[in-house]
Amino acid sequence: MTKSKRFALLQRRLKDCSPFIRSSVVVTRKPCIRKGCPACKEGRKHESCYLAVTKNGKTSVRYLPKGLVEEARRQKENYRKAQEVLDEMSEFWIEELLKKD
């Protein structure tokens, strides 16, 4: 495979990973604050989902509606795939750099 075809393939693979997010989906279960909640009385806790994002060593957490949980997980997986493609691109550019010697 030629250099330009190999790089074009990597670029297409990276584009196929879009959209992506660097995050984690966090699920918590805790009792609510309503007095007399039937679920809480039975010991069942209420589930809430959050999107956790770490930037500059600080983690921020934002509420994630249940309808977006699967999409967030899909985009999180896309980030992992994109990272793999970027690693391959880096190897490609290292090879190109060392050929100049």
Protein backbone atom coordinates (compact mmCIF):
# COMPACT_ATOMS: atom_id res chain seq x y z
CA MET A 1 0.00 0.00 0.00
CA THR A 2 1.36 3.40 -0.90
CA LYS A 3 2.07 6.01 1.73
CA SER A 4 -0.76 8.29 0.59
CA LYS A 5 -3.30 5.43 0.44
CA ARG A 6 -2.32 4.24 3.91
CA PHE A 7 -2.69 7.72 5.35
CA ALA A 8 -6.01 8.29 3.54
CA LEU A 9 -7.30 5.03 5.02
CA LEU A 10 -6.30 6.16 8.51
CA GLN A 11 -8.04 9.51 7.98
CA ARG A 12 -11.24 7.74 6.88
CA ARG A 13 -11.11 5.46 9.91
CA LEU A 14 -10.72 8.49 12.17
CA LYS A 15 -13.66 10.23 10.51
CA ASP A 16 -15.78 7.08 11.03
CA CYS A 17 -15.18 7.42 14.80
CA SER A 18 -16.98 10.74 14.94
CA PRO A 19 -18.69 11.95 17.05
CA PHE A 20 -16.67 10.99 20.10
CA ILE A 21 -16.38 12.14 23.69
CA ARG A 22 -13.73 11.52 26.37
CA SER A 23 -15.93 10.73 29.33
CA SER A 24 -17.43 8.06 31.54
CA VAL A 25 -21.06 7.25 32.12
CA VAL A 26 -21.67 7.00 35.86
CA VAL A 27 -24.79 5.39 37.30
CA THR A 28 -25.76 6.12 40.91
CA ARG A 29 -28.51 4.62 43.03
CA LYS A 30 -29.77 6.43 46.12
CA PRO A 31 -32.98 7.06 48.03
CA CYS A 32 -35.02 10.11 47.16
CA ILE A 33 -36.09 12.90 49.51
CA ARG A 34 -39.85 12.33 49.24
CA LYS A 35 -41.46 11.17 52.46
CA GLY A 36 -43.40 7.97 52.03
CA CYS A 37 -41.86 7.02 48.67
CA PRO A 38 -43.00 3.41 48.09
CA ALA A 39 -39.79 2.44 46.30
CA CYS A 40 -37.58 3.80 49.07
CA LYS A 41 -39.71 2.08 51.72
CA GLU A 42 -39.08 -1.24 49.97
CA GLY A 43 -35.34 -0.55 49.94
CA ARG A 44 -35.18 0.12 46.22
CA LYS A 45 -33.12 3.15 45.29
CA HIS A 46 -33.60 5.58 42.44
CA GLU A 47 -31.15 5.46 39.56
CA SER A 48 -29.54 8.57 38.08
CA CYS A 49 -27.01 8.76 35.27
CA TYR A 50 -24.20 11.29 34.92
CA LEU A 51 -21.50 12.11 32.42
CA ALA A 52 -18.11 12.46 34.09
CA VAL A 53 -15.41 14.41 32.24
CA THR A 54 -11.90 15.01 33.54
CA LYS A 55 -10.02 18.07 32.30
CA ASN A 56 -6.76 19.41 33.73
CA GLY A 57 -7.00 16.93 36.60
CA LYS A 58 -10.48 18.04 37.61
CA THR A 59 -13.56 15.93 37.13
CA SER A 60 -16.87 17.54 36.38
CA VAL A 61 -20.12 15.60 36.45
CA ARG A 62 -23.26 16.54 34.55
CA TYR A 63 -26.69 14.95 34.70
CA LEU A 64 -27.34 12.64 31.76
CA PRO A 65 -30.98 11.97 30.84
CA LYS A 66 -31.73 8.25 30.51
CA GLY A 67 -32.58 8.70 26.85
CA LEU A 68 -28.99 9.78 26.13
CA VAL A 69 -27.15 7.08 28.07
CA GLU A 70 -26.70 4.66 25.14
CA GLU A 71 -25.61 7.49 22.81
CA ALA A 72 -23.07 8.67 25.41
CA ARG A 73 -21.71 5.13 25.73
CA ARG A 74 -21.48 4.82 21.94
CA GLN A 75 -19.59 8.11 21.67
CA LYS A 76 -17.31 7.04 24.53
CA GLU A 77 -16.49 3.86 22.59
CA ASN A 78 -15.87 5.99 19.48
CA TYR A 79 -13.28 7.93 21.50
CA ARG A 80 -11.45 4.70 22.30
CA LYS A 81 -11.47 3.73 18.61
CA ALA A 82 -10.28 7.21 17.59
CA GLN A 83 -7.41 6.94 20.08
CA GLU A 84 -6.34 3.66 18.44
CA VAL A 85 -6.39 5.29 14.99
CA LEU A 86 -4.38 8.26 16.30
CA ASP A 87 -1.80 5.83 17.69
CA GLU A 88 -1.52 4.22 14.26
CA MET A 89 -1.20 7.66 12.63
CA SER A 90 1.58 8.51 15.06
CA GLU A 91 3.43 5.32 14.10
CA PHE A 92 2.96 6.28 10.44
CA TRP A 93 4.49 9.73 11.00
CA ILE A 94 7.36 8.30 13.06
CA GLU A 95 8.21 5.98 10.14
CA GLU A 96 8.04 8.94 7.75
CA LEU A 97 10.26 11.07 9.98
CA LEU A 98 12.90 8.36 10.31
CA LYS A 99 12.98 7.78 6.52
CA LYS A 100 14.35 11.33 6.14
CA ASP A 101 17.62 10.34 7.80
